[in-house]
N, C-alpha and C. Protein backbone atom coordinates (compact mmCIF):
# COMPACT_ATOMS: atom_id res chain seq x y z
N MET A 1 -3.86 -24.59 9.10
CA MET A 1 -3.55 -24.19 10.47
C MET A 1 -4.80 -24.09 11.34
N TRP A 2 -5.96 -23.77 10.71
CA TRP A 2 -7.18 -23.66 11.51
C TRP A 2 -7.52 -24.98 12.17
N LYS A 3 -7.18 -26.10 11.48
CA LYS A 3 -7.45 -27.41 12.08
C LYS A 3 -6.59 -27.62 13.32
N LEU A 4 -5.36 -27.11 13.26
CA LEU A 4 -4.47 -27.25 14.41
C LEU A 4 -5.02 -26.47 15.60
N LEU A 5 -5.49 -25.23 15.33
CA LEU A 5 -6.07 -24.42 16.40
C LEU A 5 -7.31 -25.07 16.96
N PHE A 6 -8.12 -25.65 16.04
CA PHE A 6 -9.35 -26.32 16.48
C PHE A 6 -9.01 -27.51 17.37
N SER A 7 -8.00 -28.29 16.97
CA SER A 7 -7.65 -29.47 17.75
C SER A 7 -7.16 -29.09 19.14
N ARG A 8 -6.42 -27.98 19.23
CA ARG A 8 -5.93 -27.55 20.53
C ARG A 8 -7.08 -27.08 21.43
N SER A 9 -8.06 -26.39 20.84
CA SER A 9 -9.21 -25.95 21.64
C SER A 9 -10.01 -27.16 22.11
N ARG A 10 -10.11 -28.18 21.25
CA ARG A 10 -10.80 -29.40 21.64
C ARG A 10 -10.06 -30.10 22.78
N MET A 11 -8.74 -30.08 22.72
CA MET A 11 -7.95 -30.73 23.76
C MET A 11 -8.18 -30.05 25.11
N VAL A 12 -8.23 -28.71 25.10
CA VAL A 12 -8.49 -27.97 26.33
C VAL A 12 -9.87 -28.28 26.85
N SER A 13 -10.84 -28.34 25.93
CA SER A 13 -12.22 -28.65 26.32
C SER A 13 -12.32 -30.04 26.94
N ASP A 14 -11.65 -31.03 26.33
CA ASP A 14 -11.67 -32.39 26.88
C ASP A 14 -11.03 -32.44 28.26
N TYR A 15 -9.96 -31.68 28.42
CA TYR A 15 -9.26 -31.68 29.71
C TYR A 15 -10.14 -31.06 30.79
N ASP A 16 -10.86 -29.97 30.42
CA ASP A 16 -11.78 -29.35 31.38
C ASP A 16 -12.88 -30.33 31.78
N THR A 17 -13.40 -31.04 30.79
CA THR A 17 -14.43 -32.04 31.08
C THR A 17 -13.91 -33.11 32.01
N PHE A 18 -12.67 -33.53 31.76
CA PHE A 18 -12.05 -34.54 32.60
C PHE A 18 -11.91 -34.06 34.04
N LEU A 19 -11.50 -32.79 34.22
CA LEU A 19 -11.34 -32.25 35.57
C LEU A 19 -12.67 -32.18 36.30
N GLN A 20 -13.71 -31.78 35.55
CA GLN A 20 -15.02 -31.67 36.17
C GLN A 20 -15.55 -33.04 36.58
N GLY A 21 -15.28 -34.05 35.78
CA GLY A 21 -15.78 -35.40 36.07
C GLY A 21 -14.91 -36.15 37.05
N GLY A 22 -13.76 -35.62 37.38
CA GLY A 22 -12.82 -36.30 38.25
C GLY A 22 -13.30 -36.41 39.68
N ARG A 23 -14.31 -35.64 40.04
CA ARG A 23 -14.80 -35.70 41.42
C ARG A 23 -15.45 -37.06 41.69
N ASN A 24 -15.98 -37.65 40.65
CA ASN A 24 -16.63 -38.95 40.80
C ASN A 24 -15.62 -40.03 40.41
N ARG A 25 -15.07 -40.75 41.39
CA ARG A 25 -14.00 -41.72 41.13
C ARG A 25 -14.48 -42.90 40.29
N ARG A 26 -15.78 -43.15 40.27
CA ARG A 26 -16.27 -44.29 39.52
C ARG A 26 -16.15 -44.06 38.01
N ILE A 27 -16.11 -42.79 37.53
CA ILE A 27 -15.99 -42.52 36.10
C ILE A 27 -14.63 -41.91 35.76
N GLU A 28 -13.69 -42.01 36.71
CA GLU A 28 -12.40 -41.36 36.50
C GLU A 28 -11.55 -42.11 35.48
N ILE A 29 -11.61 -43.42 35.46
CA ILE A 29 -10.74 -44.22 34.60
C ILE A 29 -11.05 -43.98 33.12
N ALA A 30 -12.33 -43.93 32.78
CA ALA A 30 -12.71 -43.74 31.37
C ALA A 30 -12.20 -42.42 30.80
N PRO A 31 -12.41 -41.28 31.51
CA PRO A 31 -11.87 -40.02 30.97
C PRO A 31 -10.35 -40.03 30.82
N VAL A 32 -9.65 -40.66 31.77
CA VAL A 32 -8.19 -40.71 31.68
C VAL A 32 -7.75 -41.43 30.42
N THR A 33 -8.36 -42.58 30.17
CA THR A 33 -8.02 -43.36 28.98
C THR A 33 -8.35 -42.58 27.71
N ASN A 34 -9.53 -41.97 27.69
CA ASN A 34 -9.97 -41.21 26.54
C ASN A 34 -9.06 -40.02 26.29
N LEU A 35 -8.71 -39.31 27.37
CA LEU A 35 -7.86 -38.13 27.23
C LEU A 35 -6.47 -38.52 26.77
N SER A 36 -5.95 -39.62 27.31
CA SER A 36 -4.61 -40.08 26.91
C SER A 36 -4.57 -40.39 25.43
N SER A 37 -5.61 -41.05 24.94
CA SER A 37 -5.68 -41.39 23.52
C SER A 37 -5.74 -40.14 22.66
N LYS A 38 -6.56 -39.17 23.10
CA LYS A 38 -6.70 -37.95 22.31
C LYS A 38 -5.43 -37.11 22.35
N LEU A 39 -4.77 -37.08 23.53
CA LEU A 39 -3.52 -36.34 23.62
C LEU A 39 -2.49 -36.91 22.64
N THR A 40 -2.44 -38.22 22.56
CA THR A 40 -1.49 -38.88 21.65
C THR A 40 -1.78 -38.50 20.20
N SER A 41 -3.07 -38.52 19.83
CA SER A 41 -3.43 -38.19 18.44
C SER A 41 -3.15 -36.73 18.13
N TYR A 42 -3.40 -35.84 19.13
CA TYR A 42 -3.14 -34.42 18.91
C TYR A 42 -1.64 -34.17 18.74
N LEU A 43 -0.83 -34.81 19.58
CA LEU A 43 0.61 -34.64 19.49
C LEU A 43 1.15 -35.16 18.16
N CYS A 44 0.62 -36.27 17.69
CA CYS A 44 1.03 -36.81 16.39
C CYS A 44 0.65 -35.84 15.27
N PHE A 45 -0.55 -35.27 15.38
CA PHE A 45 -0.99 -34.31 14.38
C PHE A 45 -0.07 -33.09 14.36
N ASP A 46 0.30 -32.59 15.56
CA ASP A 46 1.21 -31.45 15.65
C ASP A 46 2.56 -31.77 15.02
N ARG A 47 3.08 -32.96 15.32
CA ARG A 47 4.39 -33.34 14.78
C ARG A 47 4.34 -33.44 13.26
N LEU A 48 3.29 -34.06 12.75
CA LEU A 48 3.17 -34.22 11.30
C LEU A 48 3.02 -32.87 10.61
N THR A 49 2.20 -31.98 11.20
CA THR A 49 2.00 -30.66 10.62
C THR A 49 3.31 -29.87 10.61
N GLY A 50 4.03 -29.90 11.73
CA GLY A 50 5.30 -29.17 11.82
C GLY A 50 6.33 -29.71 10.84
N MET A 51 6.41 -31.02 10.71
CA MET A 51 7.40 -31.63 9.81
C MET A 51 7.09 -31.29 8.35
N VAL A 52 5.80 -31.35 7.98
CA VAL A 52 5.42 -31.06 6.61
C VAL A 52 5.58 -29.56 6.30
N ALA A 53 5.30 -28.70 7.28
CA ALA A 53 5.50 -27.27 7.08
C ALA A 53 6.98 -26.96 6.84
N LEU A 54 7.84 -27.63 7.60
CA LEU A 54 9.28 -27.46 7.40
C LEU A 54 9.69 -27.98 6.02
N HIS A 55 9.11 -29.10 5.62
CA HIS A 55 9.42 -29.68 4.31
C HIS A 55 9.04 -28.72 3.18
N LEU A 56 7.87 -28.08 3.29
CA LEU A 56 7.44 -27.11 2.29
C LEU A 56 8.37 -25.90 2.25
N ALA A 57 8.78 -25.43 3.43
CA ALA A 57 9.68 -24.28 3.49
C ALA A 57 11.02 -24.59 2.83
N ILE A 58 11.51 -25.81 3.04
CA ILE A 58 12.77 -26.22 2.41
C ILE A 58 12.61 -26.28 0.90
N LYS A 59 11.48 -26.79 0.45
CA LYS A 59 11.23 -26.88 -0.99
C LYS A 59 11.25 -25.50 -1.65
N ILE A 60 10.71 -24.51 -0.94
CA ILE A 60 10.58 -23.17 -1.51
C ILE A 60 11.87 -22.38 -1.42
N HIS A 61 12.56 -22.47 -0.28
CA HIS A 61 13.67 -21.57 -0.01
C HIS A 61 15.05 -22.21 -0.14
N HIS A 62 15.12 -23.51 -0.38
CA HIS A 62 16.43 -24.14 -0.47
C HIS A 62 16.56 -24.86 -1.80
N PRO A 63 17.72 -24.75 -2.45
CA PRO A 63 17.89 -25.37 -3.78
C PRO A 63 17.84 -26.89 -3.76
N LYS A 64 18.18 -27.50 -2.63
CA LYS A 64 18.18 -28.96 -2.54
C LYS A 64 16.96 -29.43 -1.77
N CYS A 65 16.20 -30.32 -2.38
CA CYS A 65 14.96 -30.81 -1.77
C CYS A 65 15.20 -32.11 -1.00
N ILE A 66 14.48 -32.27 0.09
CA ILE A 66 14.54 -33.51 0.88
C ILE A 66 13.44 -34.45 0.39
N LYS A 67 13.80 -35.69 0.12
CA LYS A 67 12.83 -36.67 -0.34
C LYS A 67 11.91 -37.11 0.81
N ILE A 68 10.72 -37.54 0.42
CA ILE A 68 9.74 -37.95 1.43
C ILE A 68 10.24 -39.15 2.23
N ASP A 69 10.93 -40.08 1.57
CA ASP A 69 11.40 -41.25 2.31
C ASP A 69 12.42 -40.87 3.39
N THR A 70 13.12 -39.73 3.17
CA THR A 70 14.03 -39.23 4.19
C THR A 70 13.25 -38.72 5.40
N LEU A 71 12.11 -38.08 5.13
CA LEU A 71 11.26 -37.60 6.22
C LEU A 71 10.69 -38.78 7.02
N VAL A 72 10.36 -39.83 6.32
CA VAL A 72 9.86 -41.03 7.00
C VAL A 72 10.90 -41.56 7.97
N LYS A 73 12.15 -41.60 7.52
CA LYS A 73 13.23 -42.07 8.38
C LYS A 73 13.45 -41.13 9.56
N LEU A 74 13.38 -39.80 9.29
CA LEU A 74 13.56 -38.82 10.37
C LEU A 74 12.46 -38.93 11.42
N SER A 75 11.27 -39.32 10.98
CA SER A 75 10.17 -39.49 11.94
C SER A 75 10.21 -40.85 12.63
N ARG A 76 11.27 -41.64 12.32
CA ARG A 76 11.42 -42.98 12.89
C ARG A 76 10.21 -43.86 12.55
N ASP A 77 9.77 -43.71 11.30
CA ASP A 77 8.66 -44.49 10.77
C ASP A 77 7.34 -44.26 11.50
N GLN A 78 7.24 -43.10 12.17
CA GLN A 78 5.97 -42.77 12.83
C GLN A 78 4.91 -42.40 11.79
N PHE A 79 5.38 -41.83 10.67
CA PHE A 79 4.47 -41.43 9.60
C PHE A 79 4.90 -42.09 8.29
N SER A 80 3.92 -42.41 7.46
CA SER A 80 4.20 -43.03 6.18
C SER A 80 4.30 -41.96 5.08
N GLU A 81 4.80 -42.37 3.92
CA GLU A 81 4.90 -41.43 2.80
C GLU A 81 3.51 -40.92 2.41
N ARG A 82 2.53 -41.81 2.48
CA ARG A 82 1.17 -41.42 2.13
C ARG A 82 0.62 -40.36 3.09
N GLN A 83 0.88 -40.51 4.38
CA GLN A 83 0.42 -39.53 5.37
C GLN A 83 1.09 -38.17 5.15
N ILE A 84 2.38 -38.20 4.87
CA ILE A 84 3.12 -36.95 4.65
C ILE A 84 2.62 -36.24 3.41
N ALA A 85 2.41 -37.00 2.33
CA ALA A 85 1.91 -36.40 1.08
C ALA A 85 0.51 -35.83 1.27
N ALA A 86 -0.34 -36.54 2.02
CA ALA A 86 -1.70 -36.08 2.26
C ALA A 86 -1.70 -34.79 3.09
N MET A 87 -0.85 -34.72 4.11
CA MET A 87 -0.76 -33.52 4.93
C MET A 87 -0.20 -32.34 4.12
N GLU A 88 0.75 -32.62 3.25
CA GLU A 88 1.31 -31.56 2.40
C GLU A 88 0.23 -30.96 1.52
N LYS A 89 -0.58 -31.82 0.91
CA LYS A 89 -1.68 -31.33 0.08
C LYS A 89 -2.69 -30.56 0.91
N ASN A 90 -2.96 -31.05 2.11
CA ASN A 90 -3.91 -30.38 3.00
C ASN A 90 -3.44 -28.98 3.37
N LEU A 91 -2.15 -28.86 3.70
CA LEU A 91 -1.59 -27.56 4.05
C LEU A 91 -1.67 -26.59 2.88
N MET A 92 -1.31 -27.05 1.69
CA MET A 92 -1.31 -26.18 0.52
C MET A 92 -2.72 -25.71 0.17
N CYS A 93 -3.68 -26.61 0.28
CA CYS A 93 -5.07 -26.24 0.00
C CYS A 93 -5.60 -25.27 1.05
N THR A 94 -5.24 -25.49 2.32
CA THR A 94 -5.67 -24.59 3.39
C THR A 94 -5.13 -23.19 3.18
N LEU A 95 -3.90 -23.10 2.67
CA LEU A 95 -3.27 -21.81 2.41
C LEU A 95 -3.63 -21.25 1.04
N SER A 96 -4.54 -21.94 0.32
CA SER A 96 -4.95 -21.54 -1.04
C SER A 96 -3.74 -21.40 -1.96
N TRP A 97 -2.73 -22.21 -1.71
CA TRP A 97 -1.52 -22.26 -2.53
C TRP A 97 -0.69 -20.98 -2.46
N TYR A 98 -0.99 -20.10 -1.47
CA TYR A 98 -0.19 -18.89 -1.30
C TYR A 98 1.06 -19.22 -0.49
N LEU A 99 1.99 -19.90 -1.12
CA LEU A 99 3.16 -20.40 -0.40
C LEU A 99 4.35 -19.45 -0.48
N HIS A 100 4.44 -18.70 -1.55
CA HIS A 100 5.65 -17.89 -1.75
C HIS A 100 5.29 -16.56 -2.41
N PRO A 101 4.57 -15.68 -1.70
CA PRO A 101 4.21 -14.39 -2.31
C PRO A 101 5.43 -13.52 -2.50
N PRO A 102 5.46 -12.69 -3.54
CA PRO A 102 6.60 -11.79 -3.76
C PRO A 102 6.77 -10.82 -2.60
N THR A 103 8.00 -10.55 -2.23
CA THR A 103 8.27 -9.59 -1.17
C THR A 103 8.28 -8.18 -1.76
N ALA A 104 8.27 -7.19 -0.88
CA ALA A 104 8.29 -5.80 -1.35
C ALA A 104 9.55 -5.50 -2.15
N SER A 105 10.69 -6.05 -1.75
CA SER A 105 11.93 -5.80 -2.47
C SER A 105 11.88 -6.41 -3.87
N GLU A 106 11.21 -7.56 -4.02
CA GLU A 106 11.07 -8.16 -5.35
C GLU A 106 10.18 -7.31 -6.24
N PHE A 107 9.12 -6.76 -5.65
CA PHE A 107 8.27 -5.83 -6.42
C PHE A 107 9.09 -4.60 -6.83
N ALA A 108 9.89 -4.09 -5.92
CA ALA A 108 10.71 -2.91 -6.23
C ALA A 108 11.64 -3.17 -7.41
N TYR A 109 12.25 -4.35 -7.41
CA TYR A 109 13.15 -4.72 -8.51
C TYR A 109 12.40 -4.73 -9.84
N SER A 110 11.20 -5.29 -9.85
CA SER A 110 10.40 -5.35 -11.07
C SER A 110 9.99 -3.97 -11.54
N PHE A 111 9.61 -3.10 -10.60
CA PHE A 111 9.20 -1.75 -10.97
C PHE A 111 10.37 -0.96 -11.58
N ILE A 112 11.54 -1.10 -10.96
CA ILE A 112 12.71 -0.36 -11.44
C ILE A 112 13.12 -0.84 -12.83
N SER A 113 12.92 -2.11 -13.11
CA SER A 113 13.27 -2.65 -14.43
C SER A 113 12.39 -2.06 -15.53
N LEU A 114 11.26 -1.46 -15.16
CA LEU A 114 10.34 -0.87 -16.14
C LEU A 114 10.68 0.59 -16.45
N LEU A 115 11.65 1.15 -15.76
CA LEU A 115 12.02 2.55 -16.01
C LEU A 115 12.53 2.71 -17.44
N PRO A 116 12.34 3.88 -18.03
CA PRO A 116 12.78 4.09 -19.42
C PRO A 116 14.29 3.93 -19.59
N GLY A 117 14.72 3.76 -20.83
CA GLY A 117 16.12 3.48 -21.13
C GLY A 117 17.07 4.58 -20.73
N GLU A 118 16.57 5.80 -20.54
CA GLU A 118 17.44 6.90 -20.14
C GLU A 118 18.06 6.68 -18.76
N VAL A 119 17.39 5.86 -17.94
CA VAL A 119 17.92 5.54 -16.62
C VAL A 119 18.91 4.39 -16.80
N THR A 120 20.18 4.67 -16.64
CA THR A 120 21.23 3.69 -16.92
C THR A 120 21.17 2.49 -15.97
N THR A 121 21.81 1.40 -16.38
CA THR A 121 21.83 0.18 -15.56
C THR A 121 22.48 0.40 -14.20
N PRO A 122 23.66 1.07 -14.12
CA PRO A 122 24.25 1.32 -12.80
C PRO A 122 23.34 2.14 -11.90
N LEU A 123 22.64 3.10 -12.51
CA LEU A 123 21.74 3.94 -11.72
C LEU A 123 20.54 3.13 -11.22
N ARG A 124 20.05 2.24 -12.05
CA ARG A 124 18.94 1.37 -11.62
C ARG A 124 19.37 0.50 -10.45
N GLY A 125 20.61 0.02 -10.52
CA GLY A 125 21.12 -0.79 -9.42
C GLY A 125 21.19 -0.02 -8.12
N GLU A 126 21.59 1.24 -8.20
CA GLU A 126 21.66 2.06 -7.00
C GLU A 126 20.27 2.35 -6.46
N ILE A 127 19.34 2.63 -7.35
CA ILE A 127 17.95 2.87 -6.92
C ILE A 127 17.41 1.63 -6.22
N PHE A 128 17.71 0.46 -6.79
CA PHE A 128 17.21 -0.77 -6.18
C PHE A 128 17.80 -1.00 -4.80
N GLU A 129 19.09 -0.78 -4.62
CA GLU A 129 19.72 -1.02 -3.32
C GLU A 129 19.09 -0.15 -2.24
N TRP A 130 18.83 1.10 -2.56
CA TRP A 130 18.19 1.99 -1.58
C TRP A 130 16.74 1.59 -1.34
N SER A 131 16.04 1.23 -2.40
CA SER A 131 14.63 0.80 -2.26
C SER A 131 14.55 -0.48 -1.45
N LYS A 132 15.48 -1.40 -1.70
CA LYS A 132 15.52 -2.65 -0.96
C LYS A 132 15.73 -2.38 0.53
N TYR A 133 16.61 -1.45 0.85
CA TYR A 133 16.87 -1.11 2.25
C TYR A 133 15.59 -0.59 2.91
N LEU A 134 14.87 0.28 2.22
CA LEU A 134 13.64 0.86 2.80
C LEU A 134 12.57 -0.21 2.99
N THR A 135 12.43 -1.11 2.03
CA THR A 135 11.41 -2.16 2.17
C THR A 135 11.77 -3.14 3.29
N GLU A 136 13.06 -3.36 3.49
CA GLU A 136 13.49 -4.30 4.55
C GLU A 136 13.26 -3.73 5.95
N ILE A 137 13.54 -2.43 6.13
CA ILE A 137 13.30 -1.86 7.46
C ILE A 137 11.80 -1.68 7.73
N SER A 138 11.01 -1.62 6.67
CA SER A 138 9.56 -1.49 6.87
C SER A 138 8.96 -2.77 7.46
N VAL A 139 9.67 -3.89 7.32
CA VAL A 139 9.19 -5.17 7.88
C VAL A 139 9.09 -5.09 9.39
N TYR A 140 9.90 -4.25 10.01
CA TYR A 140 9.92 -4.16 11.47
C TYR A 140 8.80 -3.25 12.02
N ASP A 141 8.04 -2.63 11.12
CA ASP A 141 6.96 -1.74 11.54
C ASP A 141 5.63 -2.42 11.23
N SER A 142 4.85 -2.72 12.25
CA SER A 142 3.58 -3.43 12.06
C SER A 142 2.57 -2.60 11.28
N TYR A 143 2.83 -1.32 11.12
CA TYR A 143 1.91 -0.45 10.36
C TYR A 143 1.73 -0.96 8.93
N PHE A 144 2.79 -1.53 8.36
CA PHE A 144 2.75 -1.93 6.95
C PHE A 144 2.10 -3.29 6.73
N VAL A 145 1.79 -4.02 7.80
CA VAL A 145 1.26 -5.37 7.66
C VAL A 145 -0.01 -5.44 6.81
N PRO A 146 -1.02 -4.59 7.03
CA PRO A 146 -2.24 -4.71 6.23
C PRO A 146 -2.11 -4.20 4.79
N HIS A 147 -1.01 -3.55 4.47
CA HIS A 147 -0.84 -2.99 3.13
C HIS A 147 -0.18 -3.99 2.19
N ARG A 148 -0.50 -3.90 0.92
CA ARG A 148 0.07 -4.80 -0.07
C ARG A 148 1.57 -4.53 -0.21
N SER A 149 2.32 -5.59 -0.41
CA SER A 149 3.77 -5.45 -0.59
C SER A 149 4.09 -4.60 -1.82
N SER A 150 3.27 -4.71 -2.85
CA SER A 150 3.49 -3.93 -4.07
C SER A 150 3.32 -2.44 -3.81
N SER A 151 2.36 -2.07 -2.96
CA SER A 151 2.16 -0.65 -2.64
C SER A 151 3.31 -0.11 -1.81
N VAL A 152 3.81 -0.91 -0.88
CA VAL A 152 4.96 -0.50 -0.07
C VAL A 152 6.18 -0.30 -0.96
N ALA A 153 6.38 -1.22 -1.89
CA ALA A 153 7.52 -1.12 -2.82
C ALA A 153 7.39 0.12 -3.70
N PHE A 154 6.20 0.39 -4.18
CA PHE A 154 5.96 1.56 -5.03
C PHE A 154 6.31 2.84 -4.28
N ALA A 155 5.86 2.93 -3.02
CA ALA A 155 6.14 4.12 -2.21
C ALA A 155 7.64 4.25 -1.92
N ALA A 156 8.30 3.14 -1.67
CA ALA A 156 9.74 3.16 -1.37
C ALA A 156 10.55 3.64 -2.57
N VAL A 157 10.22 3.12 -3.75
CA VAL A 157 10.94 3.53 -4.97
C VAL A 157 10.73 5.01 -5.25
N MET A 158 9.51 5.49 -5.04
CA MET A 158 9.23 6.91 -5.26
C MET A 158 10.04 7.77 -4.31
N ASN A 159 10.14 7.36 -3.05
CA ASN A 159 10.93 8.12 -2.08
C ASN A 159 12.39 8.17 -2.48
N VAL A 160 12.93 7.05 -2.92
CA VAL A 160 14.35 6.99 -3.29
C VAL A 160 14.62 7.89 -4.48
N MET A 161 13.80 7.77 -5.51
CA MET A 161 14.04 8.59 -6.70
C MET A 161 13.84 10.07 -6.42
N GLU A 162 12.95 10.38 -5.50
CA GLU A 162 12.77 11.78 -5.13
C GLU A 162 13.98 12.29 -4.34
N ASP A 163 14.49 11.48 -3.41
CA ASP A 163 15.67 11.86 -2.64
C ASP A 163 16.90 12.02 -3.54
N MET A 164 16.97 11.22 -4.59
CA MET A 164 18.10 11.29 -5.50
C MET A 164 17.93 12.40 -6.54
N LYS A 165 16.82 13.15 -6.41
CA LYS A 165 16.52 14.27 -7.32
C LYS A 165 16.38 13.80 -8.76
N LEU A 166 15.91 12.58 -8.92
CA LEU A 166 15.73 12.06 -10.27
C LEU A 166 14.45 12.58 -10.91
N PHE A 167 13.50 12.93 -10.08
CA PHE A 167 12.29 13.52 -10.65
C PHE A 167 11.60 14.41 -9.65
N HIS A 168 10.72 15.24 -10.17
CA HIS A 168 9.82 16.03 -9.34
C HIS A 168 8.42 15.81 -9.90
N GLU A 169 7.42 16.38 -9.28
CA GLU A 169 6.03 16.07 -9.63
C GLU A 169 5.66 16.41 -11.07
N SER A 170 6.36 17.37 -11.67
CA SER A 170 6.03 17.76 -13.05
C SER A 170 6.96 17.12 -14.08
N SER A 171 7.86 16.25 -13.63
CA SER A 171 8.82 15.65 -14.56
C SER A 171 8.19 14.50 -15.32
N SER A 172 8.77 14.18 -16.48
CA SER A 172 8.25 13.10 -17.31
C SER A 172 8.46 11.73 -16.65
N LEU A 173 9.56 11.58 -15.92
CA LEU A 173 9.83 10.31 -15.25
C LEU A 173 8.81 10.04 -14.15
N HIS A 174 8.48 11.10 -13.42
CA HIS A 174 7.47 10.99 -12.37
C HIS A 174 6.13 10.58 -12.98
N SER A 175 5.77 11.23 -14.08
CA SER A 175 4.50 10.91 -14.75
C SER A 175 4.50 9.49 -15.28
N PHE A 176 5.63 9.07 -15.85
CA PHE A 176 5.75 7.71 -16.39
C PHE A 176 5.58 6.68 -15.28
N PHE A 177 6.26 6.90 -14.16
CA PHE A 177 6.23 5.92 -13.07
C PHE A 177 4.84 5.82 -12.46
N GLU A 178 4.19 6.94 -12.24
CA GLU A 178 2.84 6.91 -11.67
C GLU A 178 1.84 6.30 -12.64
N ARG A 179 2.00 6.62 -13.94
CA ARG A 179 1.04 6.13 -14.93
C ARG A 179 1.23 4.65 -15.23
N GLU A 180 2.45 4.26 -15.59
CA GLU A 180 2.69 2.89 -16.04
C GLU A 180 2.71 1.88 -14.89
N VAL A 181 3.32 2.27 -13.77
CA VAL A 181 3.43 1.33 -12.65
C VAL A 181 2.25 1.50 -11.69
N GLY A 182 2.03 2.74 -11.24
CA GLY A 182 0.99 2.98 -10.25
C GLY A 182 -0.42 2.71 -10.77
N CYS A 183 -0.75 3.32 -11.91
CA CYS A 183 -2.12 3.19 -12.43
C CYS A 183 -2.35 1.87 -13.16
N HIS A 184 -1.51 1.57 -14.15
CA HIS A 184 -1.75 0.41 -15.00
C HIS A 184 -1.49 -0.92 -14.30
N LEU A 185 -0.42 -0.98 -13.54
CA LEU A 185 -0.08 -2.25 -12.91
C LEU A 185 -0.76 -2.43 -11.55
N LEU A 186 -0.70 -1.42 -10.71
CA LEU A 186 -1.17 -1.56 -9.33
C LEU A 186 -2.59 -1.03 -9.11
N GLN A 187 -3.15 -0.43 -10.14
CA GLN A 187 -4.51 0.14 -10.03
C GLN A 187 -4.59 1.18 -8.92
N LEU A 188 -3.53 1.97 -8.77
CA LEU A 188 -3.52 3.03 -7.77
C LEU A 188 -3.92 4.36 -8.41
N ILE A 189 -4.70 5.11 -7.68
CA ILE A 189 -5.10 6.43 -8.17
C ILE A 189 -3.93 7.40 -7.98
N PRO A 190 -3.56 8.17 -9.02
CA PRO A 190 -2.45 9.13 -8.88
C PRO A 190 -2.67 10.08 -7.71
N GLY A 191 -1.65 10.19 -6.86
CA GLY A 191 -1.75 11.07 -5.69
C GLY A 191 -2.69 10.55 -4.63
N SER A 192 -2.93 9.23 -4.60
CA SER A 192 -3.86 8.66 -3.62
C SER A 192 -3.34 8.83 -2.20
N GLU A 193 -4.28 8.86 -1.27
CA GLU A 193 -3.92 9.04 0.13
C GLU A 193 -3.11 7.85 0.65
N GLU A 194 -3.39 6.67 0.13
CA GLU A 194 -2.66 5.49 0.57
C GLU A 194 -1.17 5.63 0.26
N VAL A 195 -0.87 6.05 -0.97
CA VAL A 195 0.54 6.21 -1.36
C VAL A 195 1.20 7.32 -0.56
N LYS A 196 0.51 8.42 -0.37
CA LYS A 196 1.06 9.53 0.42
C LYS A 196 1.37 9.09 1.85
N THR A 197 0.43 8.37 2.44
CA THR A 197 0.61 7.90 3.82
C THR A 197 1.76 6.90 3.92
N LEU A 198 1.84 5.99 2.95
CA LEU A 198 2.92 5.00 2.95
C LEU A 198 4.28 5.68 2.78
N ARG A 199 4.36 6.63 1.89
CA ARG A 199 5.62 7.33 1.67
C ARG A 199 6.06 8.07 2.92
N LYS A 200 5.10 8.70 3.57
CA LYS A 200 5.42 9.43 4.80
C LYS A 200 5.89 8.48 5.89
N ARG A 201 5.19 7.35 6.03
CA ARG A 201 5.55 6.39 7.08
C ARG A 201 6.92 5.76 6.81
N ILE A 202 7.19 5.44 5.55
CA ILE A 202 8.50 4.88 5.20
C ILE A 202 9.61 5.87 5.52
N ARG A 203 9.36 7.13 5.23
CA ARG A 203 10.36 8.17 5.50
C ARG A 203 10.60 8.30 7.02
N GLU A 204 9.52 8.26 7.78
CA GLU A 204 9.64 8.35 9.24
C GLU A 204 10.40 7.14 9.80
N THR A 205 10.07 5.94 9.29
CA THR A 205 10.73 4.73 9.75
C THR A 205 12.22 4.78 9.43
N ALA A 206 12.55 5.26 8.23
CA ALA A 206 13.95 5.35 7.82
C ALA A 206 14.71 6.35 8.68
N CYS A 207 14.11 7.50 8.92
CA CYS A 207 14.78 8.55 9.72
C CYS A 207 14.98 8.11 11.17
N ALA A 208 14.12 7.21 11.64
CA ALA A 208 14.25 6.70 13.01
C ALA A 208 15.30 5.62 13.11
N THR A 209 15.84 5.19 11.98
CA THR A 209 16.89 4.16 11.97
C THR A 209 18.26 4.83 12.05
N PRO A 210 19.05 4.56 13.09
CA PRO A 210 20.34 5.26 13.28
C PRO A 210 21.30 5.14 12.10
N SER A 211 21.28 4.00 11.42
CA SER A 211 22.25 3.76 10.34
C SER A 211 21.82 4.36 9.01
N TYR A 212 20.65 4.99 8.97
CA TYR A 212 20.13 5.49 7.68
C TYR A 212 20.57 6.92 7.42
N SER A 213 20.95 7.17 6.19
CA SER A 213 21.18 8.52 5.69
C SER A 213 20.66 8.56 4.27
N PRO A 214 19.94 9.59 3.87
CA PRO A 214 19.31 9.62 2.54
C PRO A 214 20.34 9.46 1.43
N PRO A 215 19.93 8.90 0.30
CA PRO A 215 20.87 8.73 -0.82
C PRO A 215 21.31 10.08 -1.38
N ALA A 216 22.49 10.09 -1.94
CA ALA A 216 23.02 11.33 -2.51
C ALA A 216 22.22 11.72 -3.75
N ALA A 217 22.09 13.02 -3.94
CA ALA A 217 21.34 13.51 -5.10
C ALA A 217 22.11 13.25 -6.38
N ILE A 218 21.38 12.87 -7.42
CA ILE A 218 21.96 12.66 -8.74
C ILE A 218 21.61 13.86 -9.60
N ASP A 219 22.60 14.40 -10.28
CA ASP A 219 22.37 15.59 -11.08
C ASP A 219 21.68 15.23 -12.38
N LEU A 220 20.46 14.73 -12.29
CA LEU A 220 19.77 14.26 -13.47
C LEU A 220 18.28 14.33 -13.22
N ILE A 221 17.54 15.06 -14.06
CA ILE A 221 16.09 15.19 -13.91
C ILE A 221 15.43 14.95 -15.26
N TYR A 222 14.42 14.09 -15.25
CA TYR A 222 13.67 13.81 -16.47
C TYR A 222 12.33 14.54 -16.42
């Protein structure tokens, strides 16, 4: 994407140069021709980038993949299979192959699956549904953008289990979750300020949502 931004800044720069040189009619034709050529190349680059980005998104999020020769036909033969493949590789390398990072809800599901056997399957499902809801509404708050999705998920699951009265700070389940998930997996310090702040912010975001009501307490403490 940085190349796209660079090309657009270059296009603006060329256009400014053209306007400044336009006062002299004897050199007006050359800039017009040059600018027209560059505008065409920039537009082609934008179209190719957008088409390949869409192709990658379909590959990741849709079960049925579109073949490259189909893209060639959709572009009305403006781009070849080789150009599309080269741009796809360029995009993936530019993004360092970070094409499909796990979401906070996916992290929450993984964390809940690590709970001890005493937590029944139906109960895990309920914990996940509430945790998923909290992670989804957190997407609308820009506060969570710089934080890792795994940390947001960890804080959301802790809030849910606390609201359901499944554990308190001195319970074995609380100790297990902080030790096995927080410390060993996420390298979080027990009782860290980051987790406390995230939990508080998630709770505030949830309470500010009209459709939210805390989960019912479960008569079970480990």
